[in-house]
Amino acid sequence: AGEPTLSDREIYEMERKGEEILADMSMT
């Protein structure tokens, strides 16, 4: 369909950023 798919690396980076956001929220 021409939709981009995410590589394992991209998924990992997104998860890591989500964890960083949660950690920042916790620190706040």
PDB file of all heavy atoms in Angstrom:
ATOM      1  N   ALA A   1       0.827  -1.208   0.000  1.00  0.00           N
ATOM      2  CA  ALA A   1       0.000   0.000   0.000  1.00  0.00           C
ATOM      3  C   ALA A   1       0.865   1.263   0.000  1.00  0.00           C
ATOM      4  O   ALA A   1       0.340   2.359  -0.079  1.00  0.00           O
ATOM      5  CB  ALA A   1      -0.925   0.005   1.210  1.00  0.00           C
ATOM      6  N   GLY A   2       2.162   1.094   0.075  1.00  0.00           N
ATOM      7  CA  GLY A   2       3.048   2.245   0.069  1.00  0.00           C
ATOM      8  C   GLY A   2       3.222   2.880   1.439  1.00  0.00           C
ATOM      9  O   GLY A   2       3.796   3.949   1.555  1.00  0.00           O
ATOM     10  N   GLU A   3       2.705   2.254   2.489  1.00  0.00           N
ATOM     11  CA  GLU A   3       2.875   2.790   3.842  1.00  0.00           C
ATOM     12  C   GLU A   3       4.257   2.410   4.360  1.00  0.00           C
ATOM     13  O   GLU A   3       4.715   1.296   4.145  1.00  0.00           O
ATOM     14  CB  GLU A   3       1.808   2.217   4.772  1.00  0.00           C
ATOM     15  CG  GLU A   3       0.409   2.676   4.456  1.00  0.00           C
ATOM     16  CD  GLU A   3      -0.604   2.117   5.446  1.00  0.00           C
ATOM     17  OE1 GLU A   3      -0.223   1.875   6.604  1.00  0.00           O
ATOM     18  OE2 GLU A   3      -1.749   1.938   5.048  1.00  0.00           O
ATOM     19  N   PRO A   4       4.908   3.331   5.028  1.00  0.00           N
ATOM     20  CA  PRO A   4       6.235   3.000   5.562  1.00  0.00           C
ATOM     21  C   PRO A   4       6.103   2.024   6.727  1.00  0.00           C
ATOM     22  O   PRO A   4       5.143   2.077   7.490  1.00  0.00           O
ATOM     23  CB  PRO A   4       6.770   4.349   6.043  1.00  0.00           C
ATOM     24  CG  PRO A   4       5.560   5.196   6.261  1.00  0.00           C
ATOM     25  CD  PRO A   4       4.517   4.692   5.305  1.00  0.00           C
ATOM     26  N   THR A   5       7.053   1.152   6.823  1.00  0.00           N
ATOM     27  CA  THR A   5       7.082   0.222   7.957  1.00  0.00           C
ATOM     28  C   THR A   5       8.263   0.599   8.841  1.00  0.00           C
ATOM     29  O   THR A   5       9.226   1.209   8.392  1.00  0.00           O
ATOM     30  CB  THR A   5       7.244  -1.233   7.485  1.00  0.00           C
ATOM     31  OG1 THR A   5       8.454  -1.335   6.715  1.00  0.00           O
ATOM     32  CG2 THR A   5       6.060  -1.674   6.661  1.00  0.00           C
ATOM     33  N   LEU A   6       8.173   0.256  10.100  1.00  0.00           N
ATOM     34  CA  LEU A   6       9.219   0.586  11.055  1.00  0.00           C
ATOM     35  C   LEU A   6      10.184  -0.579  11.202  1.00  0.00           C
ATOM     36  O   LEU A   6       9.771  -1.737  11.315  1.00  0.00           O
ATOM     37  CB  LEU A   6       8.607   0.907  12.415  1.00  0.00           C
ATOM     38  CG  LEU A   6       7.663   2.103  12.460  1.00  0.00           C
ATOM     39  CD1 LEU A   6       7.023   2.212  13.834  1.00  0.00           C
ATOM     40  CD2 LEU A   6       8.395   3.380  12.117  1.00  0.00           C
ATOM     41  N   SER A   7      11.448  -0.251  11.228  1.00  0.00           N
ATOM     42  CA  SER A   7      12.454  -1.278  11.471  1.00  0.00           C
ATOM     43  C   SER A   7      12.516  -1.546  12.970  1.00  0.00           C
ATOM     44  O   SER A   7      11.986  -0.781  13.780  1.00  0.00           O
ATOM     45  CB  SER A   7      13.822  -0.801  10.970  1.00  0.00           C
ATOM     46  OG  SER A   7      14.289   0.260  11.777  1.00  0.00           O
ATOM     47  N   ASP A   8      13.172  -2.617  13.338  1.00  0.00           N
ATOM     48  CA  ASP A   8      13.348  -2.933  14.754  1.00  0.00           C
ATOM     49  C   ASP A   8      14.091  -1.797  15.458  1.00  0.00           C
ATOM     50  O   ASP A   8      13.777  -1.447  16.593  1.00  0.00           O
ATOM     51  CB  ASP A   8      14.120  -4.245  14.923  1.00  0.00           C
ATOM     52  CG  ASP A   8      13.295  -5.465  14.548  1.00  0.00           C
ATOM     53  OD1 ASP A   8      12.061  -5.344  14.510  1.00  0.00           O
ATOM     54  OD2 ASP A   8      13.896  -6.524  14.303  1.00  0.00           O
ATOM     55  N   ARG A   9      15.052  -1.208  14.772  1.00  0.00           N
ATOM     56  CA  ARG A   9      15.822  -0.103  15.347  1.00  0.00           C
ATOM     57  C   ARG A   9      14.913   1.098  15.609  1.00  0.00           C
ATOM     58  O   ARG A   9      14.993   1.738  16.658  1.00  0.00           O
ATOM     59  CB  ARG A   9      16.953   0.277  14.383  1.00  0.00           C
ATOM     60  CG  ARG A   9      17.767   1.447  14.829  1.00  0.00           C
ATOM     61  CD  ARG A   9      18.727   0.997  15.901  1.00  0.00           C
ATOM     62  NE  ARG A   9      19.543   2.139  16.308  1.00  0.00           N
ATOM     63  CZ  ARG A   9      20.077   2.253  17.477  1.00  0.00           C
ATOM     64  NH1 ARG A   9      19.908   1.311  18.367  1.00  0.00           N
ATOM     65  NH2 ARG A   9      20.801   3.289  17.781  1.00  0.00           N
ATOM     66  N   GLU A  10      14.047   1.431  14.679  1.00  0.00           N
ATOM     67  CA  GLU A  10      13.138   2.556  14.848  1.00  0.00           C
ATOM     68  C   GLU A  10      12.162   2.304  16.000  1.00  0.00           C
ATOM     69  O   GLU A  10      11.884   3.196  16.788  1.00  0.00           O
ATOM     70  CB  GLU A  10      12.366   2.825  13.553  1.00  0.00           C
ATOM     71  CG  GLU A  10      13.241   3.372  12.437  1.00  0.00           C
ATOM     72  CD  GLU A  10      12.535   3.382  11.097  1.00  0.00           C
ATOM     73  OE1 GLU A  10      11.802   2.408  10.789  1.00  0.00           O
ATOM     74  OE2 GLU A  10      12.720   4.353  10.360  1.00  0.00           O
ATOM     75  N   ILE A  11      11.687   1.092  16.109  1.00  0.00           N
ATOM     76  CA  ILE A  11      10.778   0.737  17.202  1.00  0.00           C
ATOM     77  C   ILE A  11      11.507   0.868  18.533  1.00  0.00           C
ATOM     78  O   ILE A  11      10.985   1.433  19.490  1.00  0.00           O
ATOM     79  CB  ILE A  11      10.215  -0.688  17.012  1.00  0.00           C
ATOM     80  CG1 ILE A  11       9.280  -0.717  15.796  1.00  0.00           C
ATOM     81  CG2 ILE A  11       9.505  -1.173  18.278  1.00  0.00           C
ATOM     82  CD1 ILE A  11       8.865  -2.103  15.370  1.00  0.00           C
ATOM     83  N   TYR A  12      12.746   0.382  18.577  1.00  0.00           N
ATOM     84  CA  TYR A  12      13.549   0.484  19.794  1.00  0.00           C
ATOM     85  C   TYR A  12      13.733   1.948  20.191  1.00  0.00           C
ATOM     86  O   TYR A  12      13.588   2.307  21.360  1.00  0.00           O
ATOM     87  CB  TYR A  12      14.914  -0.192  19.582  1.00  0.00           C
ATOM     88  CG  TYR A  12      15.893   0.091  20.685  1.00  0.00           C
ATOM     89  CD1 TYR A  12      15.805  -0.570  21.908  1.00  0.00           C
ATOM     90  CD2 TYR A  12      16.897   1.046  20.515  1.00  0.00           C
ATOM     91  CE1 TYR A  12      16.695  -0.288  22.935  1.00  0.00           C
ATOM     92  CE2 TYR A  12      17.786   1.327  21.539  1.00  0.00           C
ATOM     93  CZ  TYR A  12      17.682   0.660  22.739  1.00  0.00           C
ATOM     94  OH  TYR A  12      18.560   0.938  23.748  1.00  0.00           O
ATOM     95  N   GLU A  13      14.076   2.801  19.233  1.00  0.00           N
ATOM     96  CA  GLU A  13      14.282   4.228  19.512  1.00  0.00           C
ATOM     97  C   GLU A  13      12.999   4.872  20.034  1.00  0.00           C
ATOM     98  O   GLU A  13      13.042   5.685  20.953  1.00  0.00           O
ATOM     99  CB  GLU A  13      14.769   4.972  18.263  1.00  0.00           C
ATOM    100  CG  GLU A  13      16.200   4.656  17.876  1.00  0.00           C
ATOM    101  CD  GLU A  13      17.197   5.080  18.925  1.00  0.00           C
ATOM    102  OE1 GLU A  13      17.035   6.162  19.522  1.00  0.00           O
ATOM    103  OE2 GLU A  13      18.159   4.323  19.161  1.00  0.00           O
ATOM    104  N   MET A  14      11.863   4.520  19.469  1.00  0.00           N
ATOM    105  CA  MET A  14      10.589   5.078  19.932  1.00  0.00           C
ATOM    106  C   MET A  14      10.301   4.642  21.365  1.00  0.00           C
ATOM    107  O   MET A  14       9.864   5.451  22.188  1.00  0.00           O
ATOM    108  CB  MET A  14       9.451   4.649  19.006  1.00  0.00           C
ATOM    109  CG  MET A  14       9.517   5.318  17.638  1.00  0.00           C
ATOM    110  SD  MET A  14       8.287   4.700  16.490  1.00  0.00           S
ATOM    111  CE  MET A  14       6.806   5.332  17.231  1.00  0.00           C
ATOM    112  N   GLU A  15      10.552   3.386  21.672  1.00  0.00           N
ATOM    113  CA  GLU A  15      10.333   2.889  23.027  1.00  0.00           C
ATOM    114  C   GLU A  15      11.261   3.597  24.012  1.00  0.00           C
ATOM    115  O   GLU A  15      10.846   3.992  25.100  1.00  0.00           O
ATOM    116  CB  GLU A  15      10.560   1.375  23.089  1.00  0.00           C
ATOM    117  CG  GLU A  15       9.469   0.585  22.412  1.00  0.00           C
ATOM    118  CD  GLU A  15       9.779  -0.907  22.338  1.00  0.00           C
ATOM    119  OE1 GLU A  15      10.938  -1.308  22.598  1.00  0.00           O
ATOM    120  OE2 GLU A  15       8.852  -1.667  22.011  1.00  0.00           O
ATOM    121  N   ARG A  16      12.520   3.781  23.614  1.00  0.00           N
ATOM    122  CA  ARG A  16      13.493   4.446  24.477  1.00  0.00           C
ATOM    123  C   ARG A  16      13.075   5.892  24.750  1.00  0.00           C
ATOM    124  O   ARG A  16      13.118   6.359  25.882  1.00  0.00           O
ATOM    125  CB  ARG A  16      14.883   4.409  23.838  1.00  0.00           C
ATOM    126  CG  ARG A  16      15.994   4.857  24.764  1.00  0.00           C
ATOM    127  CD  ARG A  16      17.362   4.767  24.112  1.00  0.00           C
ATOM    128  NE  ARG A  16      17.482   5.572  22.915  1.00  0.00           N
ATOM    129  CZ  ARG A  16      17.617   6.910  22.900  1.00  0.00           C
ATOM    130  NH1 ARG A  16      17.640   7.562  24.025  1.00  0.00           N
ATOM    131  NH2 ARG A  16      17.737   7.566  21.774  1.00  0.00           N
ATOM    132  N   LYS A  17      12.616   6.581  23.726  1.00  0.00           N
ATOM    133  CA  LYS A  17      12.164   7.963  23.906  1.00  0.00           C
ATOM    134  C   LYS A  17      10.943   8.013  24.817  1.00  0.00           C
ATOM    135  O   LYS A  17      10.814   8.918  25.638  1.00  0.00           O
ATOM    136  CB  LYS A  17      11.856   8.608  22.556  1.00  0.00           C
ATOM    137  CG  LYS A  17      13.110   8.962  21.797  1.00  0.00           C
ATOM    138  CD  LYS A  17      12.792   9.593  20.475  1.00  0.00           C
ATOM    139  CE  LYS A  17      14.087   9.844  19.706  1.00  0.00           C
ATOM    140  NZ  LYS A  17      13.843  10.381  18.378  1.00  0.00           N
ATOM    141  N   GLY A  18      10.049   7.044  24.674  1.00  0.00           N
ATOM    142  CA  GLY A  18       8.885   6.981  25.555  1.00  0.00           C
ATOM    143  C   GLY A  18       9.292   6.786  26.999  1.00  0.00           C
ATOM    144  O   GLY A  18       8.743   7.415  27.907  1.00  0.00           O
ATOM    145  N   GLU A  19      10.292   5.940  27.232  1.00  0.00           N
ATOM    146  CA  GLU A  19      10.795   5.730  28.585  1.00  0.00           C
ATOM    147  C   GLU A  19      11.430   7.009  29.136  1.00  0.00           C
ATOM    148  O   GLU A  19      11.269   7.338  30.307  1.00  0.00           O
ATOM    149  CB  GLU A  19      11.808   4.584  28.599  1.00  0.00           C
ATOM    150  CG  GLU A  19      11.171   3.221  28.382  1.00  0.00           C
ATOM    151  CD  GLU A  19      12.193   2.110  28.174  1.00  0.00           C
ATOM    152  OE1 GLU A  19      13.411   2.393  28.167  1.00  0.00           O
ATOM    153  OE2 GLU A  19      11.768   0.963  28.003  1.00  0.00           O
ATOM    154  N   GLU A  20      12.151   7.736  28.282  1.00  0.00           N
ATOM    155  CA  GLU A  20      12.758   8.998  28.716  1.00  0.00           C
ATOM    156  C   GLU A  20      11.680  10.006  29.103  1.00  0.00           C
ATOM    157  O   GLU A  20      11.815  10.715  30.098  1.00  0.00           O
ATOM    158  CB  GLU A  20      13.632   9.587  27.608  1.00  0.00           C
ATOM    159  CG  GLU A  20      14.926   8.846  27.398  1.00  0.00           C
ATOM    160  CD  GLU A  20      15.719   9.388  26.225  1.00  0.00           C
ATOM    161  OE1 GLU A  20      15.305  10.393  25.606  1.00  0.00           O
ATOM    162  OE2 GLU A  20      16.768   8.802  25.920  1.00  0.00           O
ATOM    163  N   ILE A  21      10.617  10.063  28.322  1.00  0.00           N
ATOM    164  CA  ILE A  21       9.518  10.987  28.620  1.00  0.00           C
ATOM    165  C   ILE A  21       8.891  10.637  29.960  1.00  0.00           C
ATOM    166  O   ILE A  21       8.643  11.504  30.791  1.00  0.00           O
ATOM    167  CB  ILE A  21       8.467  10.984  27.484  1.00  0.00           C
ATOM    168  CG1 ILE A  21       9.067  11.636  26.234  1.00  0.00           C
ATOM    169  CG2 ILE A  21       7.187  11.699  27.920  1.00  0.00           C
ATOM    170  CD1 ILE A  21       8.237  11.458  24.985  1.00  0.00           C
ATOM    171  N   LEU A  22       8.656   9.344  30.178  1.00  0.00           N
ATOM    172  CA  LEU A  22       8.084   8.919  31.457  1.00  0.00           C
ATOM    173  C   LEU A  22       9.024   9.245  32.619  1.00  0.00           C
ATOM    174  O   LEU A  22       8.588   9.690  33.678  1.00  0.00           O
ATOM    175  CB  LEU A  22       7.777   7.423  31.434  1.00  0.00           C
ATOM    176  CG  LEU A  22       6.600   6.999  30.557  1.00  0.00           C
ATOM    177  CD1 LEU A  22       6.496   5.484  30.515  1.00  0.00           C
ATOM    178  CD2 LEU A  22       5.306   7.608  31.072  1.00  0.00           C
ATOM    179  N   ALA A  23      10.320   9.057  32.422  1.00  0.00           N
ATOM    180  CA  ALA A  23      11.292   9.368  33.473  1.00  0.00           C
ATOM    181  C   ALA A  23      11.294  10.863  33.762  1.00  0.00           C
ATOM    182  O   ALA A  23      11.338  11.286  34.925  1.00  0.00           O
ATOM    183  CB  ALA A  23      12.685   8.901  33.068  1.00  0.00           C
ATOM    184  N   ASP A  24      11.235  11.690  32.709  1.00  0.00           N
ATOM    185  CA  ASP A  24      11.180  13.143  32.900  1.00  0.00           C
ATOM    186  C   ASP A  24       9.930  13.534  33.669  1.00  0.00           C
ATOM    187  O   ASP A  24       9.970  14.398  34.538  1.00  0.00           O
ATOM    188  CB  ASP A  24      11.206  13.885  31.559  1.00  0.00           C
ATOM    189  CG  ASP A  24      12.582  13.878  30.926  1.00  0.00           C
ATOM    190  OD1 ASP A  24      13.562  13.562  31.627  1.00  0.00           O
ATOM    191  OD2 ASP A  24      12.671  14.188  29.721  1.00  0.00           O
ATOM    192  N   MET A  25       8.807  12.911  33.351  1.00  0.00           N
ATOM    193  CA  MET A  25       7.562  13.214  34.057  1.00  0.00           C
ATOM    194  C   MET A  25       7.700  12.848  35.524  1.00  0.00           C
ATOM    195  O   MET A  25       7.262  13.580  36.405  1.00  0.00           O
ATOM    196  CB  MET A  25       6.387  12.470  33.420  1.00  0.00           C
ATOM    197  CG  MET A  25       6.011  13.007  32.050  1.00  0.00           C
ATOM    198  SD  MET A  25       4.830  11.974  31.168  1.00  0.00           S
ATOM    199  CE  MET A  25       3.444  11.985  32.253  1.00  0.00           C
ATOM    200  N   SER A  26       8.320  11.726  35.797  1.00  0.00           N
ATOM    201  CA  SER A  26       8.518  11.279  37.173  1.00  0.00           C
ATOM    202  C   SER A  26       9.415  12.257  37.929  1.00  0.00           C
ATOM    203  O   SER A  26       9.142  12.608  39.065  1.00  0.00           O
ATOM    204  CB  SER A  26       9.141   9.884  37.169  1.00  0.00           C
ATOM    205  OG  SER A  26       9.464   9.498  38.475  1.00  0.00           O
ATOM    206  N   MET A  27      10.498  12.710  37.292  1.00  0.00           N
ATOM    207  CA  MET A  27      11.406  13.662  37.932  1.00  0.00           C
ATOM    208  C   MET A  27      10.690  14.973  38.215  1.00  0.00           C
ATOM    209  O   MET A  27      10.906  15.589  39.250  1.00  0.00           O
ATOM    210  CB  MET A  27      12.628  13.924  37.039  1.00  0.00           C
ATOM    211  CG  MET A  27      13.581  12.750  36.967  1.00  0.00           C
ATOM    212  SD  MET A  27      14.309  12.355  38.561  1.00  0.00           S
ATOM    213  CE  MET A  27      15.388  13.751  38.747  1.00  0.00           C
ATOM    214  N   THR A  28       9.827  15.407  37.306  1.00  0.00           N
ATOM    215  CA  THR A  28       9.077  16.643  37.515  1.00  0.00           C
ATOM    216  C   THR A  28       8.186  16.506  38.740  1.00  0.00           C
ATOM    217  O   THR A  28       8.099  17.411  39.563  1.00  0.00           O
ATOM    218  CB  THR A  28       8.225  16.974  36.264  1.00  0.00           C
ATOM    219  OG1 THR A  28       9.104  17.124  35.155  1.00  0.00           O
ATOM    220  CG2 THR A  28       7.429  18.242  36.466  1.00  0.00           C
TER     221      THR A  28
END
